[in-house]
C-alpha atoms as a PDB file:
ATOM      1  CA  MET A   1     100.559  -4.531 198.968  1.00  0.00           C
ATOM      2  CA  LYS A   2     101.593  -2.130 196.205  1.00  0.00           C
ATOM      3  CA  GLN A   3     104.281  -4.552 195.043  1.00  0.00           C
ATOM      4  CA  SER A   4     101.723  -7.369 194.852  1.00  0.00           C
ATOM      5  CA  LEU A   5      99.294  -5.208 192.836  1.00  0.00           C
ATOM      6  CA  LYS A   6     102.096  -4.225 190.485  1.00  0.00           C
ATOM      7  CA  LYS A   7     102.958  -7.874 189.881  1.00  0.00           C
ATOM      8  CA  LYS A   8      99.303  -8.678 189.145  1.00  0.00           C
ATOM      9  CA  VAL A   9      99.112  -5.849 186.609  1.00  0.00           C
ATOM     10  CA  ILE A  10     102.295  -7.061 184.910  1.00  0.00           C
ATOM     11  CA  LEU A  11     101.019 -10.637 184.794  1.00  0.00           C
ATOM     12  CA  PHE A  12      97.656  -9.496 183.391  1.00  0.00           C
ATOM     13  CA  TRP A  13      99.379  -7.421 180.718  1.00  0.00           C
ATOM     14  CA  LYS A  14     101.599 -10.308 179.714  1.00  0.00           C
ATOM     15  CA  GLY A  15      98.693 -12.717 179.693  1.00  0.00           C
ATOM     16  CA  TRP A  16      95.701 -10.763 178.327  1.00  0.00           C
ATOM     17  CA  GLY A  17      96.443  -7.058 178.194  1.00  0.00           C
ATOM     18  CA  TYR A  18      98.619  -7.153 175.096  1.00  0.00           C
ATOM     19  CA  SER A  19      96.130  -9.347 173.238  1.00  0.00           C
ATOM     20  CA  ILE A  20      93.255  -7.035 174.162  1.00  0.00           C
ATOM     21  CA  PHE A  21      95.255  -4.007 173.034  1.00  0.00           C
ATOM     22  CA  ILE A  22      96.018  -5.587 169.648  1.00  0.00           C
ATOM     23  CA  ALA A  23      92.370  -6.609 169.197  1.00  0.00           C
ATOM     24  CA  VAL A  24      91.144  -3.084 169.978  1.00  0.00           C
ATOM     25  CA  LEU A  25      93.771  -1.587 167.648  1.00  0.00           C
ATOM     26  CA  ILE A  26      92.705  -3.858 164.778  1.00  0.00           C
ATOM     27  CA  ALA A  27      88.999  -3.180 165.359  1.00  0.00           C
ATOM     28  CA  THR A  28      89.381   0.600 165.527  1.00  0.00           C
ATOM     29  CA  SER A  29      91.719   0.636 162.520  1.00  0.00           C
ATOM     30  CA  PHE A  30      89.115  -1.295 160.526  1.00  0.00           C
ATOM     31  CA  LYS A  31      86.435   1.171 161.590  1.00  0.00           C
ATOM     32  CA  SER A  32      88.660   4.131 160.747  1.00  0.00           C
ATOM     33  CA  ALA A  33      89.872   3.045 157.303  1.00  0.00           C
ATOM     34  CA  ILE A  34      87.678   0.219 155.970  1.00  0.00           C
ATOM     35  CA  ALA A  35      84.031   0.429 157.055  1.00  0.00           C
ATOM     36  CA  ASP A  36      81.855   2.045 159.689  1.00  0.00           C
ATOM     37  CA  TRP A  37      78.238   2.867 160.332  1.00  0.00           C
ATOM     38  CA  TYR A  38      76.618   6.232 160.767  1.00  0.00           C
ATOM     39  CA  ILE A  39      73.685   6.842 163.111  1.00  0.00           C
ATOM     40  CA  VAL A  40      71.370   9.344 161.408  1.00  0.00           C
ATOM     41  CA  PRO A  41      70.162  11.970 163.921  1.00  0.00           C
ATOM     42  CA  THR A  42      68.120  14.293 161.672  1.00  0.00           C
ATOM     43  CA  GLY A  43      65.611  14.213 158.805  1.00  0.00           C
ATOM     44  CA  SER A  44      67.710  16.121 156.259  1.00  0.00           C
ATOM     45  CA  MET A  45      67.837  13.085 153.945  1.00  0.00           C
ATOM     46  CA  LYS A  46      64.138  12.178 154.093  1.00  0.00           C
ATOM     47  CA  PRO A  47      62.496  10.326 152.507  1.00  0.00           C
ATOM     48  CA  THR A  48      65.581   8.262 151.528  1.00  0.00           C
ATOM     49  CA  ILE A  49      67.041   8.089 155.041  1.00  0.00           C
ATOM     50  CA  VAL A  50      65.126   8.776 158.243  1.00  0.00           C
ATOM     51  CA  GLU A  51      66.011   9.516 161.850  1.00  0.00           C
ATOM     52  CA  GLY A  52      67.110   6.363 163.643  1.00  0.00           C
ATOM     53  CA  ASP A  53      68.633   4.641 160.595  1.00  0.00           C
ATOM     54  CA  ARG A  54      72.057   3.034 161.102  1.00  0.00           C
ATOM     55  CA  VAL A  55      73.764   3.363 157.737  1.00  0.00           C
ATOM     56  CA  PHE A  56      76.699   1.264 156.528  1.00  0.00           C
ATOM     57  CA  VAL A  57      79.528   3.455 155.195  1.00  0.00           C
ATOM     58  CA  ASP A  58      81.996   1.896 152.754  1.00  0.00           C
ATOM     59  CA  LYS A  59      85.266   3.747 153.337  1.00  0.00           C
ATOM     60  CA  LEU A  60      86.994   1.903 150.488  1.00  0.00           C
ATOM     61  CA  SER A  61      84.591   3.243 147.854  1.00  0.00           C
ATOM     62  CA  TYR A  62      87.044   5.816 146.576  1.00  0.00           C
ATOM     63  CA  ASP A  63      90.387   5.428 148.334  1.00  0.00           C
ATOM     64  CA  LEU A  64      92.440   3.931 151.144  1.00  0.00           C
ATOM     65  CA  LYS A  65      93.359   6.225 154.005  1.00  0.00           C
ATOM     66  CA  PHE A  66      95.922   5.745 156.742  1.00  0.00           C
ATOM     67  CA  PRO A  67      93.941   4.757 159.881  1.00  0.00           C
ATOM     68  CA  TYR A  68      92.903   7.623 162.172  1.00  0.00           C
ATOM     69  CA  THR A  69      93.882  10.240 159.562  1.00  0.00           C
ATOM     70  CA  THR A  70      92.715  11.714 156.237  1.00  0.00           C
ATOM     71  CA  TRP A  71      96.026  10.852 154.543  1.00  0.00           C
ATOM     72  CA  HIS A  72      95.395   9.079 151.251  1.00  0.00           C
ATOM     73  CA  ILE A  73      97.525   5.982 150.695  1.00  0.00           C
ATOM     74  CA  ALA A  74      95.844   5.169 147.372  1.00  0.00           C
ATOM     75  CA  GLU A  75      92.929   6.538 145.339  1.00  0.00           C
ATOM     76  CA  TRP A  76      91.016   4.598 142.672  1.00  0.00           C
ATOM     77  CA  ASP A  77      87.710   6.370 142.161  1.00  0.00           C
ATOM     78  CA  ALA A  78      85.863   9.638 142.756  1.00  0.00           C
ATOM     79  CA  PRO A  79      82.343  10.344 144.048  1.00  0.00           C
ATOM     80  CA  GLN A  80      79.784  10.439 141.262  1.00  0.00           C
ATOM     81  CA  ARG A  81      76.718  12.612 140.977  1.00  0.00           C
ATOM     82  CA  GLY A  82      73.868  10.971 142.894  1.00  0.00           C
ATOM     83  CA  ALA A  83      76.030   9.104 145.424  1.00  0.00           C
ATOM     84  CA  ILE A  84      75.250   9.420 149.139  1.00  0.00           C
ATOM     85  CA  VAL A  85      78.432  10.218 151.046  1.00  0.00           C
ATOM     86  CA  VAL A  86      79.584  10.989 154.591  1.00  0.00           C
ATOM     87  CA  PHE A  87      81.893  13.901 155.395  1.00  0.00           C
ATOM     88  CA  PRO A  88      82.659  16.398 158.189  1.00  0.00           C
ATOM     89  CA  SER A  89      80.863  19.735 158.075  1.00  0.00           C
ATOM     90  CA  PRO A  90      83.152  22.509 156.771  1.00  0.00           C
ATOM     91  CA  ILE A  91      81.751  24.704 159.555  1.00  0.00           C
ATOM     92  CA  ASP A  92      82.210  22.706 162.756  1.00  0.00           C
ATOM     93  CA  GLY A  93      83.390  19.224 161.771  1.00  0.00           C
ATOM     94  CA  THR A  94      80.083  17.518 162.616  1.00  0.00           C
ATOM     95  CA  ARG A  95      79.721  14.351 160.552  1.00  0.00           C
ATOM     96  CA  LEU A  96      77.069  14.760 157.854  1.00  0.00           C
ATOM     97  CA  ILE A  97      75.424  12.514 155.272  1.00  0.00           C
ATOM     98  CA  LYS A  98      74.278  14.113 152.000  1.00  0.00           C
ATOM     99  CA  ARG A  99      73.876  13.420 148.299  1.00  0.00           C
ATOM    100  CA  VAL A 100      76.452  14.503 145.710  1.00  0.00           C
ATOM    101  CA  VAL A 101      74.667  16.910 143.381  1.00  0.00           C
ATOM    102  CA  GLY A 102      77.607  18.651 141.723  1.00  0.00           C
ATOM    103  CA  ILE A 103      81.010  17.188 140.810  1.00  0.00           C
ATOM    104  CA  PRO A 104      84.129  19.168 139.769  1.00  0.00           C
ATOM    105  CA  GLY A 105      83.420  21.278 136.699  1.00  0.00           C
ATOM    106  CA  ASP A 106      79.639  21.153 137.026  1.00  0.00           C
ATOM    107  CA  SER A 107      77.428  24.223 136.888  1.00  0.00           C
ATOM    108  CA  VAL A 108      74.827  23.928 139.646  1.00  0.00           C
ATOM    109  CA  GLU A 109      71.827  26.174 140.165  1.00  0.00           C
ATOM    110  CA  MET A 110      68.294  26.075 141.531  1.00  0.00           C
ATOM    111  CA  GLN A 111      65.269  28.093 140.511  1.00  0.00           C
ATOM    112  CA  ASN A 112      62.199  27.823 142.762  1.00  0.00           C
ATOM    113  CA  ASP A 113      63.259  24.331 143.947  1.00  0.00           C
ATOM    114  CA  GLN A 114      64.016  23.206 140.387  1.00  0.00           C
ATOM    115  CA  LEU A 115      67.570  21.850 140.277  1.00  0.00           C
ATOM    116  CA  ILE A 116      69.543  22.669 137.135  1.00  0.00           C
ATOM    117  CA  ILE A 117      72.819  20.877 136.313  1.00  0.00           C
ATOM    118  CA  ASN A 118      75.037  22.145 133.478  1.00  0.00           C
ATOM    119  CA  GLY A 119      72.185  24.220 132.114  1.00  0.00           C
ATOM    120  CA  LYS A 120      69.700  21.325 131.984  1.00  0.00           C
ATOM    121  CA  LYS A 121      66.704  20.997 134.259  1.00  0.00           C
ATOM    122  CA  VAL A 122      66.780  17.849 136.358  1.00  0.00           C
ATOM    123  CA  LYS A 123      63.755  15.629 135.712  1.00  0.00           C
ATOM    124  CA  TYR A 124      61.146  15.019 138.417  1.00  0.00           C
ATOM    125  CA  GLU A 125      58.388  12.434 138.287  1.00  0.00           C
ATOM    126  CA  THR A 126      55.305  12.208 140.464  1.00  0.00           C
ATOM    127  CA  ILE A 127      55.452   9.224 142.784  1.00  0.00           C
ATOM    128  CA  ASP A 128      52.708   6.713 142.025  1.00  0.00           C
ATOM    129  CA  GLN A 129      50.629   5.182 144.806  1.00  0.00           C
ATOM    130  CA  LEU A 130      52.609   1.915 144.922  1.00  0.00           C
ATOM    131  CA  ASN A 131      55.979   3.673 145.234  1.00  0.00           C
ATOM    132  CA  GLU A 132      54.505   6.079 147.774  1.00  0.00           C
ATOM    133  CA  GLN A 133      53.559   3.147 150.002  1.00  0.00           C
ATOM    134  CA  ASN A 134      57.059   1.656 149.673  1.00  0.00           C
ATOM    135  CA  LEU A 135      58.854   4.856 150.655  1.00  0.00           C
ATOM    136  CA  PRO A 136      60.230   5.210 154.188  1.00  0.00           C
ATOM    137  CA  VAL A 137      58.252   6.918 156.902  1.00  0.00           C
ATOM    138  CA  GLY A 138      58.300  10.688 157.061  1.00  0.00           C
ATOM    139  CA  GLY A 139      55.695  11.860 154.609  1.00  0.00           C
ATOM    140  CA  ALA A 140      52.908  14.218 155.577  1.00  0.00           C
ATOM    141  CA  SER A 141      49.971  15.989 153.988  1.00  0.00           C
ATOM    142  CA  ASN A 142      51.966  19.237 153.793  1.00  0.00           C
ATOM    143  CA  THR A 143      54.930  17.712 151.955  1.00  0.00           C
ATOM    144  CA  TYR A 144      55.523  16.974 148.275  1.00  0.00           C
ATOM    145  CA  ARG A 145      57.581  13.977 147.219  1.00  0.00           C
ATOM    146  CA  TYR A 146      58.958  13.215 143.771  1.00  0.00           C
ATOM    147  CA  ILE A 147      61.411  10.909 142.045  1.00  0.00           C
ATOM    148  CA  GLU A 148      64.467  12.914 140.966  1.00  0.00           C
ATOM    149  CA  ASP A 149      66.749  11.726 138.163  1.00  0.00           C
ATOM    150  CA  LEU A 150      70.405  12.705 138.551  1.00  0.00           C
ATOM    151  CA  THR A 151      72.178  11.347 135.445  1.00  0.00           C
ATOM    152  CA  GLY A 152      70.204   8.118 135.522  1.00  0.00           C
ATOM    153  CA  ALA A 153      70.339   7.721 139.297  1.00  0.00           C
ATOM    154  CA  GLN A 154      66.730   7.923 140.452  1.00  0.00           C
ATOM    155  CA  HIS A 155      65.839   8.588 144.076  1.00  0.00           C
ATOM    156  CA  PRO A 156      63.023  10.215 146.062  1.00  0.00           C
ATOM    157  CA  VAL A 157      63.203  13.822 147.234  1.00  0.00           C
ATOM    158  CA  MET A 158      60.913  15.825 149.488  1.00  0.00           C
ATOM    159  CA  PHE A 159      59.837  19.479 149.524  1.00  0.00           C
ATOM    160  CA  LEU A 160      58.245  21.494 152.329  1.00  0.00           C
ATOM    161  CA  PRO A 161      56.503  24.490 150.723  1.00  0.00           C
ATOM    162  CA  GLN A 162      55.709  26.135 154.065  1.00  0.00           C
ATOM    163  CA  ARG A 163      59.312  26.130 155.336  1.00  0.00           C
ATOM    164  CA  LEU A 164      61.796  28.978 154.865  1.00  0.00           C
ATOM    165  CA  ALA A 165      64.718  27.729 152.785  1.00  0.00           C
ATOM    166  CA  ILE A 166      67.105  28.650 149.987  1.00  0.00           C
ATOM    167  CA  ARG A 167      65.089  27.705 146.900  1.00  0.00           C
ATOM    168  CA  THR A 168      66.972  29.751 144.303  1.00  0.00           C
ATOM    169  CA  PHE A 169      70.738  30.145 143.850  1.00  0.00           C
ATOM    170  CA  GLY A 170      73.512  30.106 141.267  1.00  0.00           C
ATOM    171  CA  PRO A 171      74.635  29.134 138.821  1.00  0.00           C
ATOM    172  CA  LEU A 172      77.774  28.042 140.703  1.00  0.00           C
ATOM    173  CA  ILE A 173      80.762  26.310 139.106  1.00  0.00           C
ATOM    174  CA  VAL A 174      82.120  23.474 141.255  1.00  0.00           C
ATOM    175  CA  PRO A 175      85.912  23.929 141.559  1.00  0.00           C
ATOM    176  CA  GLU A 176      88.446  21.160 140.997  1.00  0.00           C
ATOM    177  CA  GLY A 177      88.705  18.897 144.041  1.00  0.00           C
ATOM    178  CA  LYS A 178      85.349  20.109 145.421  1.00  0.00           C
ATOM    179  CA  TYR A 179      81.783  18.773 145.543  1.00  0.00           C
ATOM    180  CA  PHE A 180      78.334  20.311 145.959  1.00  0.00           C
ATOM    181  CA  MET A 181      76.164  18.418 148.438  1.00  0.00           C
ATOM    182  CA  MET A 182      72.432  18.557 149.107  1.00  0.00           C
ATOM    183  CA  GLY A 183      69.986  16.700 151.345  1.00  0.00           C
ATOM    184  CA  ASP A 184      67.038  14.877 149.778  1.00  0.00           C
ATOM    185  CA  ASN A 185      64.788  16.797 152.173  1.00  0.00           C
ATOM    186  CA  ARG A 186      65.451  19.879 150.083  1.00  0.00           C
ATOM    187  CA  ASN A 187      63.836  22.523 152.278  1.00  0.00           C
ATOM    188  CA  ASN A 188      65.108  21.148 155.586  1.00  0.00           C
ATOM    189  CA  SER A 189      68.788  20.427 155.036  1.00  0.00           C
ATOM    190  CA  ALA A 190      71.943  22.312 156.033  1.00  0.00           C
ATOM    191  CA  ASP A 191      74.074  21.573 152.984  1.00  0.00           C
ATOM    192  CA  SER A 192      76.293  23.244 150.387  1.00  0.00           C
ATOM    193  CA  ARG A 193      73.759  26.013 149.953  1.00  0.00           C
ATOM    194  CA  TYR A 194      74.760  27.134 153.444  1.00  0.00           C
ATOM    195  CA  PHE A 195      78.341  25.933 154.023  1.00  0.00           C
ATOM    196  CA  GLY A 196      79.722  25.878 150.483  1.00  0.00           C
ATOM    197  CA  PHE A 197      81.665  23.235 148.602  1.00  0.00           C
ATOM    198  CA  VAL A 198      83.116  20.122 150.261  1.00  0.00           C
ATOM    199  CA  ASP A 199      86.741  19.092 149.782  1.00  0.00           C
ATOM    200  CA  ARG A 200      87.356  15.724 148.131  1.00  0.00           C
ATOM    201  CA  SER A 201      89.870  14.894 150.869  1.00  0.00           C
ATOM    202  CA  GLY A 202      87.157  15.248 153.518  1.00  0.00           C
ATOM    203  CA  ILE A 203      84.789  12.653 152.048  1.00  0.00           C
ATOM    204  CA  VAL A 204      84.879   9.661 154.400  1.00  0.00           C
ATOM    205  CA  GLY A 205      83.095   7.134 152.188  1.00  0.00           C
ATOM    206  CA  GLN A 206      79.880   6.161 150.440  1.00  0.00           C
ATOM    207  CA  ALA A 207      76.717   5.149 152.307  1.00  0.00           C
ATOM    208  CA  ARG A 208      75.585   1.825 150.860  1.00  0.00           C
ATOM    209  CA  PHE A 209      72.599   0.532 152.827  1.00  0.00           C
ATOM    210  CA  VAL A 210      70.602   0.788 156.032  1.00  0.00           C
ATOM    211  CA  VAL A 211      71.851  -1.820 158.511  1.00  0.00           C
ATOM    212  CA  ILE A 212      69.120  -1.397 161.104  1.00  0.00           C
ATOM    213  CA  SER A 213      66.500   1.247 161.829  1.00  0.00           C
ATOM    214  CA  LEU A 214      64.945   2.221 165.169  1.00  0.00           C
ATOM    215  CA  ASP A 215      61.893   4.435 165.609  1.00  0.00           C
ATOM    216  CA  LEU A 216      63.141   7.171 167.941  1.00  0.00           C
ATOM    217  CA  ASP A 217      59.591   8.402 168.592  1.00  0.00           C
ATOM    218  CA  ASN A 218      58.247   4.971 169.512  1.00  0.00           C
ATOM    219  CA  HIS A 219      60.548   3.659 172.264  1.00  0.00           C
ATOM    220  CA  TYR A 220      63.231   2.694 169.711  1.00  0.00           C
ATOM    221  CA  LYS A 221      60.969   0.092 168.157  1.00  0.00           C
ATOM    222  CA  PRO A 222      62.744  -1.703 165.279  1.00  0.00           C
ATOM    223  CA  ARG A 223      61.589  -0.839 161.770  1.00  0.00           C
ATOM    224  CA  TRP A 224      62.096  -4.351 160.438  1.00  0.00           C
ATOM    225  CA  GLU A 225      61.162  -3.405 156.872  1.00  0.00           C
ATOM    226  CA  ARG A 226      64.178  -1.093 156.681  1.00  0.00           C
ATOM    227  CA  PHE A 227      66.794  -3.592 157.851  1.00  0.00           C
ATOM    228  CA  PHE A 228      69.480  -4.186 155.197  1.00  0.00           C
ATOM    229  CA  THR A 229      67.801  -2.051 152.523  1.00  0.00           C
ATOM    230  CA  ALA A 230      69.966  -0.557 149.788  1.00  0.00           C
ATOM    231  CA  LEU A 231      70.268   3.218 149.457  1.00  0.00           C
ATOM    232  CA  LEU A 232      69.441   4.638 146.031  1.00  0.00           C
END
């Protein structure tokens, strides 16, 4: 009986097992080094990204890594201020998605929620009614939302005046090979204000667009209007 089972396993491996193994290896290598998607579990990037979004992550945005590692085979670009990137938390390794606010050499500070980069106050514009309607879900009467301009890259940000948060810090100089990250939900985001700078080598890739979005509070109902929407 055991001999017969052994022969069946060998025949399966020769027939299908090897092919399945190669297919799985190729698929996981692609996911590890080329592209992946990130399921957003929290609201730290509201109103740009909301809970239940599945975000496409381009892992070739800045470099090529050896699959399953952080070893850089080649590097052709660096994250720019305003980009949304994915990286492991410096505290516990949990995968996070945040916006690059400070690049190497930048002076970053905040005064009463006003972001200041290299001594210049970042510009904020009030969101008009049309843009307010087009923003993702997540707004409330006790929140304030604005359009922030980081070196020409405009995106919405949100503030929660009633929530305890770090609203003033710095100025801090971003060291070489490091980045300062912040969530767009400025008063409800565990970011570089709490865990410090992020190593360039730890940045997995750039988040490009929302693939699909499911409403976690409404029986995972699809948010069709968010499918395949670009991230600004």
